[in-house]
Amino acid sequence: MVSQEQILQQLRQWMEELFEIEPEKVQLNAHLYNDLDIDSIDAVDLIVKIRALTGKPIKPEDFKSVRTVADVVDAIDKMQHAQ
């Protein structure tokens, strides 16, 4: 299982690879849309990466309320612990 810090580091790497966002901008309190300019199309690319990391299908309800980087980290962490 991956720690929350490791999840954050992975998110920083993905954000840089996928969207050319500088890793230091990917902070827990950063808002995906307002601060990082991640739109719904970008979110789909991110979900594909998350599915590869967790090896689990992603339920839309798991990401419906995701607004910040911290929300993404928490959602991935919950997915890891789900049966």
PDB file of N, CA and C in Angstrom:
ATOM      1  N   MET A   1       0.830  -1.172   0.000  1.00  0.00           N
ATOM      2  CA  MET A   1       0.000   0.000   0.000  1.00  0.00           C
ATOM      3  C   MET A   1       0.888   1.254   0.000  1.00  0.00           C
ATOM      4  N   VAL A   2       0.401   2.273  -0.652  1.00  0.00           N
ATOM      5  CA  VAL A   2       1.149   3.511  -0.815  1.00  0.00           C
ATOM      6  C   VAL A   2       0.691   4.524   0.237  1.00  0.00           C
ATOM      7  N   SER A   3       1.655   5.218   0.849  1.00  0.00           N
ATOM      8  CA  SER A   3       1.312   6.230   1.861  1.00  0.00           C
ATOM      9  C   SER A   3       0.737   7.477   1.191  1.00  0.00           C
ATOM     10  N   GLN A   4       0.114   8.326   2.001  1.00  0.00           N
ATOM     11  CA  GLN A   4      -0.450   9.566   1.459  1.00  0.00           C
ATOM     12  C   GLN A   4       0.652  10.461   0.884  1.00  0.00           C
ATOM     13  N   GLU A   5       1.810  10.469   1.504  1.00  0.00           N
ATOM     14  CA  GLU A   5       2.930  11.266   0.976  1.00  0.00           C
ATOM     15  C   GLU A   5       3.377  10.719  -0.384  1.00  0.00           C
ATOM     16  N   GLN A   6       3.409   9.395  -0.515  1.00  0.00           N
ATOM     17  CA  GLN A   6       3.774   8.788  -1.793  1.00  0.00           C
ATOM     18  C   GLN A   6       2.716   9.088  -2.861  1.00  0.00           C
ATOM     19  N   ILE A   7       1.450   9.093  -2.458  1.00  0.00           N
ATOM     20  CA  ILE A   7       0.371   9.437  -3.388  1.00  0.00           C
ATOM     21  C   ILE A   7       0.563  10.872  -3.880  1.00  0.00           C
ATOM     22  N   LEU A   8       0.869  11.776  -2.967  1.00  0.00           N
ATOM     23  CA  LEU A   8       1.094  13.175  -3.339  1.00  0.00           C
ATOM     24  C   LEU A   8       2.264  13.292  -4.312  1.00  0.00           C
ATOM     25  N   GLN A   9       3.347  12.586  -4.042  1.00  0.00           N
ATOM     26  CA  GLN A   9       4.507  12.628  -4.940  1.00  0.00           C
ATOM     27  C   GLN A   9       4.132  12.096  -6.327  1.00  0.00           C
ATOM     28  N   GLN A  10       3.334  11.027  -6.370  1.00  0.00           N
ATOM     29  CA  GLN A  10       2.897  10.468  -7.643  1.00  0.00           C
ATOM     30  C   GLN A  10       2.012  11.464  -8.394  1.00  0.00           C
ATOM     31  N   LEU A  11       1.120  12.126  -7.669  1.00  0.00           N
ATOM     32  CA  LEU A  11       0.262  13.146  -8.288  1.00  0.00           C
ATOM     33  C   LEU A  11       1.097  14.276  -8.887  1.00  0.00           C
ATOM     34  N   ARG A  12       2.111  14.687  -8.158  1.00  0.00           N
ATOM     35  CA  ARG A  12       2.991  15.748  -8.680  1.00  0.00           C
ATOM     36  C   ARG A  12       3.640  15.316  -9.989  1.00  0.00           C
ATOM     37  N   GLN A  13       4.090  14.077 -10.028  1.00  0.00           N
ATOM     38  CA  GLN A  13       4.716  13.561 -11.245  1.00  0.00           C
ATOM     39  C   GLN A  13       3.707  13.511 -12.393  1.00  0.00           C
ATOM     40  N   TRP A  14       2.505  13.006 -12.132  1.00  0.00           N
ATOM     41  CA  TRP A  14       1.474  12.937 -13.176  1.00  0.00           C
ATOM     42  C   TRP A  14       1.091  14.317 -13.677  1.00  0.00           C
ATOM     43  N   MET A  15       0.939  15.266 -12.753  1.00  0.00           N
ATOM     44  CA  MET A  15       0.545  16.622 -13.145  1.00  0.00           C
ATOM     45  C   MET A  15       1.601  17.249 -14.059  1.00  0.00           C
ATOM     46  N   GLU A  16       2.849  16.951 -13.771  1.00  0.00           N
ATOM     47  CA  GLU A  16       3.919  17.481 -14.617  1.00  0.00           C
ATOM     48  C   GLU A  16       3.912  16.799 -15.984  1.00  0.00           C
ATOM     49  N   GLU A  17       3.785  15.461 -15.985  1.00  0.00           N
ATOM     50  CA  GLU A  17       3.783  14.703 -17.245  1.00  0.00           C
ATOM     51  C   GLU A  17       2.576  15.030 -18.118  1.00  0.00           C
ATOM     52  N   LEU A  18       1.402  15.016 -17.517  1.00  0.00           N
ATOM     53  CA  LEU A  18       0.164  15.167 -18.279  1.00  0.00           C
ATOM     54  C   LEU A  18      -0.165  16.612 -18.629  1.00  0.00           C
ATOM     55  N   PHE A  19       0.067  17.524 -17.703  1.00  0.00           N
ATOM     56  CA  PHE A  19      -0.443  18.880 -17.860  1.00  0.00           C
ATOM     57  C   PHE A  19       0.618  19.978 -17.781  1.00  0.00           C
ATOM     58  N   GLU A  20       1.898  19.568 -17.665  1.00  0.00           N
ATOM     59  CA  GLU A  20       3.022  20.504 -17.581  1.00  0.00           C
ATOM     60  C   GLU A  20       2.880  21.491 -16.421  1.00  0.00           C
ATOM     61  N   ILE A  21       2.381  20.966 -15.297  1.00  0.00           N
ATOM     62  CA  ILE A  21       2.245  21.773 -14.080  1.00  0.00           C
ATOM     63  C   ILE A  21       3.484  21.534 -13.227  1.00  0.00           C
ATOM     64  N   GLU A  22       4.102  22.608 -12.791  1.00  0.00           N
ATOM     65  CA  GLU A  22       5.298  22.483 -11.966  1.00  0.00           C
ATOM     66  C   GLU A  22       4.958  21.754 -10.668  1.00  0.00           C
ATOM     67  N   PRO A  23       5.765  20.730 -10.299  1.00  0.00           N
ATOM     68  CA  PRO A  23       5.461  19.931  -9.099  1.00  0.00           C
ATOM     69  C   PRO A  23       5.261  20.755  -7.836  1.00  0.00           C
ATOM     70  N   GLU A  24       6.018  21.857  -7.682  1.00  0.00           N
ATOM     71  CA  GLU A  24       5.880  22.647  -6.454  1.00  0.00           C
ATOM     72  C   GLU A  24       4.525  23.352  -6.354  1.00  0.00           C
ATOM     73  N   LYS A  25       3.802  23.454  -7.459  1.00  0.00           N
ATOM     74  CA  LYS A  25       2.457  24.049  -7.430  1.00  0.00           C
ATOM     75  C   LYS A  25       1.408  23.054  -6.944  1.00  0.00           C
ATOM     76  N   VAL A  26       1.745  21.768  -6.975  1.00  0.00           N
ATOM     77  CA  VAL A  26       0.796  20.724  -6.578  1.00  0.00           C
ATOM     78  C   VAL A  26       0.905  20.528  -5.066  1.00  0.00           C
ATOM     79  N   GLN A  27       0.179  21.380  -4.350  1.00  0.00           N
ATOM     80  CA  GLN A  27       0.137  21.347  -2.892  1.00  0.00           C
ATOM     81  C   GLN A  27      -1.221  20.819  -2.453  1.00  0.00           C
ATOM     82  N   LEU A  28      -1.299  20.298  -1.246  1.00  0.00           N
ATOM     83  CA  LEU A  28      -2.544  19.707  -0.760  1.00  0.00           C
ATOM     84  C   LEU A  28      -3.720  20.674  -0.821  1.00  0.00           C
ATOM     85  N   ASN A  29      -3.481  21.959  -0.578  1.00  0.00           N
ATOM     86  CA  ASN A  29      -4.577  22.929  -0.559  1.00  0.00           C
ATOM     87  C   ASN A  29      -4.875  23.505  -1.945  1.00  0.00           C
ATOM     88  N   ALA A  30      -4.143  23.082  -2.971  1.00  0.00           N
ATOM     89  CA  ALA A  30      -4.363  23.609  -4.325  1.00  0.00           C
ATOM     90  C   ALA A  30      -5.692  23.100  -4.879  1.00  0.00           C
ATOM     91  N   HIS A  31      -6.482  24.030  -5.385  1.00  0.00           N
ATOM     92  CA  HIS A  31      -7.767  23.704  -6.012  1.00  0.00           C
ATOM     93  C   HIS A  31      -7.496  23.249  -7.442  1.00  0.00           C
ATOM     94  N   LEU A  32      -8.050  22.110  -7.820  1.00  0.00           N
ATOM     95  CA  LEU A  32      -7.749  21.537  -9.133  1.00  0.00           C
ATOM     96  C   LEU A  32      -8.103  22.477 -10.280  1.00  0.00           C
ATOM     97  N   TYR A  33      -9.273  23.066 -10.230  1.00  0.00           N
ATOM     98  CA  TYR A  33      -9.713  23.918 -11.331  1.00  0.00           C
ATOM     99  C   TYR A  33      -9.148  25.336 -11.223  1.00  0.00           C
ATOM    100  N   ASN A  34      -9.328  25.973 -10.078  1.00  0.00           N
ATOM    101  CA  ASN A  34      -8.929  27.371  -9.925  1.00  0.00           C
ATOM    102  C   ASN A  34      -7.416  27.571  -9.912  1.00  0.00           C
ATOM    103  N   ASP A  35      -6.692  26.694  -9.208  1.00  0.00           N
ATOM    104  CA  ASP A  35      -5.248  26.881  -9.047  1.00  0.00           C
ATOM    105  C   ASP A  35      -4.418  26.150 -10.104  1.00  0.00           C
ATOM    106  N   LEU A  36      -4.876  24.955 -10.489  1.00  0.00           N
ATOM    107  CA  LEU A  36      -4.070  24.127 -11.391  1.00  0.00           C
ATOM    108  C   LEU A  36      -4.638  24.034 -12.804  1.00  0.00           C
ATOM    109  N   ASP A  37      -5.805  24.618 -13.016  1.00  0.00           N
ATOM    110  CA  ASP A  37      -6.424  24.646 -14.348  1.00  0.00           C
ATOM    111  C   ASP A  37      -6.757  23.248 -14.883  1.00  0.00           C
ATOM    112  N   ILE A  38      -7.128  22.335 -13.987  1.00  0.00           N
ATOM    113  CA  ILE A  38      -7.526  20.980 -14.378  1.00  0.00           C
ATOM    114  C   ILE A  38      -9.024  21.004 -14.662  1.00  0.00           C
ATOM    115  N   ASP A  39      -9.399  20.704 -15.899  1.00  0.00           N
ATOM    116  CA  ASP A  39     -10.820  20.678 -16.245  1.00  0.00           C
ATOM    117  C   ASP A  39     -11.318  19.233 -16.299  1.00  0.00           C
ATOM    118  N   SER A  40     -12.573  19.046 -16.676  1.00  0.00           N
ATOM    119  CA  SER A  40     -13.169  17.705 -16.657  1.00  0.00           C
ATOM    120  C   SER A  40     -12.483  16.759 -17.637  1.00  0.00           C
ATOM    121  N   ILE A  41     -12.013  17.266 -18.761  1.00  0.00           N
ATOM    122  CA  ILE A  41     -11.298  16.419 -19.725  1.00  0.00           C
ATOM    123  C   ILE A  41      -9.978  15.960 -19.119  1.00  0.00           C
ATOM    124  N   ASP A  42      -9.268  16.877 -18.471  1.00  0.00           N
ATOM    125  CA  ASP A  42      -8.011  16.531 -17.810  1.00  0.00           C
ATOM    126  C   ASP A  42      -8.249  15.518 -16.694  1.00  0.00           C
ATOM    127  N   ALA A  43      -9.365  15.672 -16.003  1.00  0.00           N
ATOM    128  CA  ALA A  43      -9.679  14.771 -14.892  1.00  0.00           C
ATOM    129  C   ALA A  43      -9.793  13.325 -15.373  1.00  0.00           C
ATOM    130  N   VAL A  44     -10.299  13.133 -16.580  1.00  0.00           N
ATOM    131  CA  VAL A  44     -10.410  11.777 -17.135  1.00  0.00           C
ATOM    132  C   VAL A  44      -9.020  11.166 -17.282  1.00  0.00           C
ATOM    133  N   ASP A  45      -8.063  11.943 -17.792  1.00  0.00           N
ATOM    134  CA  ASP A  45      -6.690  11.452 -17.922  1.00  0.00           C
ATOM    135  C   ASP A  45      -6.114  11.091 -16.559  1.00  0.00           C
ATOM    136  N   LEU A  46      -6.402  11.900 -15.573  1.00  0.00           N
ATOM    137  CA  LEU A  46      -5.918  11.651 -14.232  1.00  0.00           C
ATOM    138  C   LEU A  46      -6.549  10.383 -13.647  1.00  0.00           C
ATOM    139  N   ILE A  47      -7.814  10.170 -13.894  1.00  0.00           N
ATOM    140  CA  ILE A  47      -8.508   8.978 -13.398  1.00  0.00           C
ATOM    141  C   ILE A  47      -7.921   7.709 -14.007  1.00  0.00           C
ATOM    142  N   VAL A  48      -7.524   7.773 -15.264  1.00  0.00           N
ATOM    143  CA  VAL A  48      -6.880   6.611 -15.909  1.00  0.00           C
ATOM    144  C   VAL A  48      -5.593   6.262 -15.165  1.00  0.00           C
ATOM    145  N   LYS A  49      -4.819   7.263 -14.798  1.00  0.00           N
ATOM    146  CA  LYS A  49      -3.576   7.043 -14.043  1.00  0.00           C
ATOM    147  C   LYS A  49      -3.879   6.464 -12.657  1.00  0.00           C
ATOM    148  N   ILE A  50      -4.916   6.978 -12.022  1.00  0.00           N
ATOM    149  CA  ILE A  50      -5.278   6.500 -10.685  1.00  0.00           C
ATOM    150  C   ILE A  50      -5.704   5.039 -10.747  1.00  0.00           C
ATOM    151  N   ARG A  51      -6.470   4.690 -11.764  1.00  0.00           N
ATOM    152  CA  ARG A  51      -6.895   3.300 -11.926  1.00  0.00           C
ATOM    153  C   ARG A  51      -5.686   2.388 -12.099  1.00  0.00           C
ATOM    154  N   ALA A  52      -4.684   2.839 -12.848  1.00  0.00           N
ATOM    155  CA  ALA A  52      -3.468   2.047 -13.034  1.00  0.00           C
ATOM    156  C   ALA A  52      -2.711   1.871 -11.713  1.00  0.00           C
ATOM    157  N   LEU A  53      -2.697   2.930 -10.895  1.00  0.00           N
ATOM    158  CA  LEU A  53      -2.011   2.867  -9.600  1.00  0.00           C
ATOM    159  C   LEU A  53      -2.705   1.914  -8.637  1.00  0.00           C
ATOM    160  N   THR A  54      -4.032   2.033  -8.551  1.00  0.00           N
ATOM    161  CA  THR A  54      -4.774   1.245  -7.556  1.00  0.00           C
ATOM    162  C   THR A  54      -5.170  -0.132  -8.065  1.00  0.00           C
ATOM    163  N   GLY A  55      -5.268  -0.273  -9.390  1.00  0.00           N
ATOM    164  CA  GLY A  55      -5.714  -1.544  -9.958  1.00  0.00           C
ATOM    165  C   GLY A  55      -7.188  -1.804  -9.709  1.00  0.00           C
ATOM    166  N   LYS A  56      -7.922  -0.751  -9.379  1.00  0.00           N
ATOM    167  CA  LYS A  56      -9.347  -0.898  -9.068  1.00  0.00           C
ATOM    168  C   LYS A  56     -10.171   0.004  -9.979  1.00  0.00           C
ATOM    169  N   PRO A  57     -11.395  -0.429 -10.259  1.00  0.00           N
ATOM    170  CA  PRO A  57     -12.281   0.453 -11.032  1.00  0.00           C
ATOM    171  C   PRO A  57     -12.615   1.690 -10.201  1.00  0.00           C
ATOM    172  N   ILE A  58     -12.854   2.773 -10.878  1.00  0.00           N
ATOM    173  CA  ILE A  58     -13.136   4.035 -10.195  1.00  0.00           C
ATOM    174  C   ILE A  58     -14.626   4.316 -10.253  1.00  0.00           C
ATOM    175  N   LYS A  59     -15.208   4.502  -9.099  1.00  0.00           N
ATOM    176  CA  LYS A  59     -16.630   4.829  -9.030  1.00  0.00           C
ATOM    177  C   LYS A  59     -16.782   6.341  -9.152  1.00  0.00           C
ATOM    178  N   PRO A  60     -17.685   6.800 -10.003  1.00  0.00           N
ATOM    179  CA  PRO A  60     -17.878   8.252 -10.152  1.00  0.00           C
ATOM    180  C   PRO A  60     -18.170   8.948  -8.827  1.00  0.00           C
ATOM    181  N   GLU A  61     -18.896   8.294  -7.942  1.00  0.00           N
ATOM    182  CA  GLU A  61     -19.229   8.931  -6.663  1.00  0.00           C
ATOM    183  C   GLU A  61     -17.987   9.174  -5.798  1.00  0.00           C
ATOM    184  N   ASP A  62     -16.918   8.384  -6.028  1.00  0.00           N
ATOM    185  CA  ASP A  62     -15.680   8.582  -5.278  1.00  0.00           C
ATOM    186  C   ASP A  62     -15.018   9.916  -5.620  1.00  0.00           C
ATOM    187  N   PHE A  63     -15.307  10.434  -6.803  1.00  0.00           N
ATOM    188  CA  PHE A  63     -14.643  11.652  -7.257  1.00  0.00           C
ATOM    189  C   PHE A  63     -15.599  12.818  -7.481  1.00  0.00           C
ATOM    190  N   LYS A  64     -16.847  12.630  -7.149  1.00  0.00           N
ATOM    191  CA  LYS A  64     -17.847  13.681  -7.360  1.00  0.00           C
ATOM    192  C   LYS A  64     -17.548  14.943  -6.549  1.00  0.00           C
ATOM    193  N   SER A  65     -17.057  14.777  -5.343  1.00  0.00           N
ATOM    194  CA  SER A  65     -16.814  15.933  -4.473  1.00  0.00           C
ATOM    195  C   SER A  65     -15.340  16.353  -4.432  1.00  0.00           C
ATOM    196  N   VAL A  66     -14.518  15.793  -5.286  1.00  0.00           N
ATOM    197  CA  VAL A  66     -13.097  16.130  -5.313  1.00  0.00           C
ATOM    198  C   VAL A  66     -12.903  17.542  -5.866  1.00  0.00           C
ATOM    199  N   ARG A  67     -12.256  18.394  -5.091  1.00  0.00           N
ATOM    200  CA  ARG A  67     -12.008  19.771  -5.510  1.00  0.00           C
ATOM    201  C   ARG A  67     -10.537  20.168  -5.388  1.00  0.00           C
ATOM    202  N   THR A  68      -9.832  19.560  -4.423  1.00  0.00           N
ATOM    203  CA  THR A  68      -8.445  19.932  -4.162  1.00  0.00           C
ATOM    204  C   THR A  68      -7.526  18.723  -4.325  1.00  0.00           C
ATOM    205  N   VAL A  69      -6.237  19.004  -4.310  1.00  0.00           N
ATOM    206  CA  VAL A  69      -5.250  17.918  -4.364  1.00  0.00           C
ATOM    207  C   VAL A  69      -5.431  17.003  -3.155  1.00  0.00           C
ATOM    208  N   ALA A  70      -5.701  17.574  -1.988  1.00  0.00           N
ATOM    209  CA  ALA A  70      -5.923  16.767  -0.777  1.00  0.00           C
ATOM    210  C   ALA A  70      -7.110  15.821  -0.962  1.00  0.00           C
ATOM    211  N   ASP A  71      -8.164  16.289  -1.634  1.00  0.00           N
ATOM    212  CA  ASP A  71      -9.325  15.434  -1.905  1.00  0.00           C
ATOM    213  C   ASP A  71      -8.926  14.243  -2.771  1.00  0.00           C
ATOM    214  N   VAL A  72      -8.062  14.478  -3.756  1.00  0.00           N
ATOM    215  CA  VAL A  72      -7.605  13.387  -4.633  1.00  0.00           C
ATOM    216  C   VAL A  72      -6.785  12.388  -3.824  1.00  0.00           C
ATOM    217  N   VAL A  73      -5.871  12.888  -3.004  1.00  0.00           N
ATOM    218  CA  VAL A  73      -5.044  12.011  -2.164  1.00  0.00           C
ATOM    219  C   VAL A  73      -5.937  11.164  -1.259  1.00  0.00           C
ATOM    220  N   ASP A  74      -6.924  11.791  -0.624  1.00  0.00           N
ATOM    221  CA  ASP A  74      -7.837  11.062   0.267  1.00  0.00           C
ATOM    222  C   ASP A  74      -8.639  10.008  -0.494  1.00  0.00           C
ATOM    223  N   ALA A  75      -9.113  10.352  -1.675  1.00  0.00           N
ATOM    224  CA  ALA A  75      -9.901   9.413  -2.470  1.00  0.00           C
ATOM    225  C   ALA A  75      -9.063   8.197  -2.865  1.00  0.00           C
ATOM    226  N   ILE A  76      -7.821   8.427  -3.274  1.00  0.00           N
ATOM    227  CA  ILE A  76      -6.938   7.308  -3.645  1.00  0.00           C
ATOM    228  C   ILE A  76      -6.649   6.463  -2.424  1.00  0.00           C
ATOM    229  N   ASP A  77      -6.406   7.107  -1.291  1.00  0.00           N
ATOM    230  CA  ASP A  77      -6.124   6.385  -0.053  1.00  0.00           C
ATOM    231  C   ASP A  77      -7.310   5.500   0.326  1.00  0.00           C
ATOM    232  N   LYS A  78      -8.517   6.032   0.225  1.00  0.00           N
ATOM    233  CA  LYS A  78      -9.731   5.246   0.533  1.00  0.00           C
ATOM    234  C   LYS A  78      -9.870   4.071  -0.429  1.00  0.00           C
ATOM    235  N   MET A  79      -9.568   4.292  -1.706  1.00  0.00           N
ATOM    236  CA  MET A  79      -9.666   3.219  -2.691  1.00  0.00           C
ATOM    237  C   MET A  79      -8.706   2.083  -2.359  1.00  0.00           C
ATOM    238  N   GLN A  80      -7.527   2.429  -1.879  1.00  0.00           N
ATOM    239  CA  GLN A  80      -6.545   1.406  -1.521  1.00  0.00           C
ATOM    240  C   GLN A  80      -7.039   0.527  -0.388  1.00  0.00           C
ATOM    241  N   HIS A  81      -7.779   1.126   0.540  1.00  0.00           N
ATOM    242  CA  HIS A  81      -8.236   0.405   1.724  1.00  0.00           C
ATOM    243  C   HIS A  81      -9.574  -0.306   1.520  1.00  0.00           C
ATOM    244  N   ALA A  82     -10.243  -0.006   0.409  1.00  0.00           N
ATOM    245  CA  ALA A  82     -11.538  -0.632   0.144  1.00  0.00           C
ATOM    246  C   ALA A  82     -11.333  -2.092  -0.274  1.00  0.00           C
ATOM    247  N   GLN A  83     -12.278  -2.897   0.074  1.00  0.00           N
ATOM    248  CA  GLN A  83     -12.190  -4.326  -0.275  1.00  0.00           C
ATOM    249  C   GLN A  83     -12.632  -4.568  -1.676  1.00  0.00           C
TER     250      GLN A  83
END
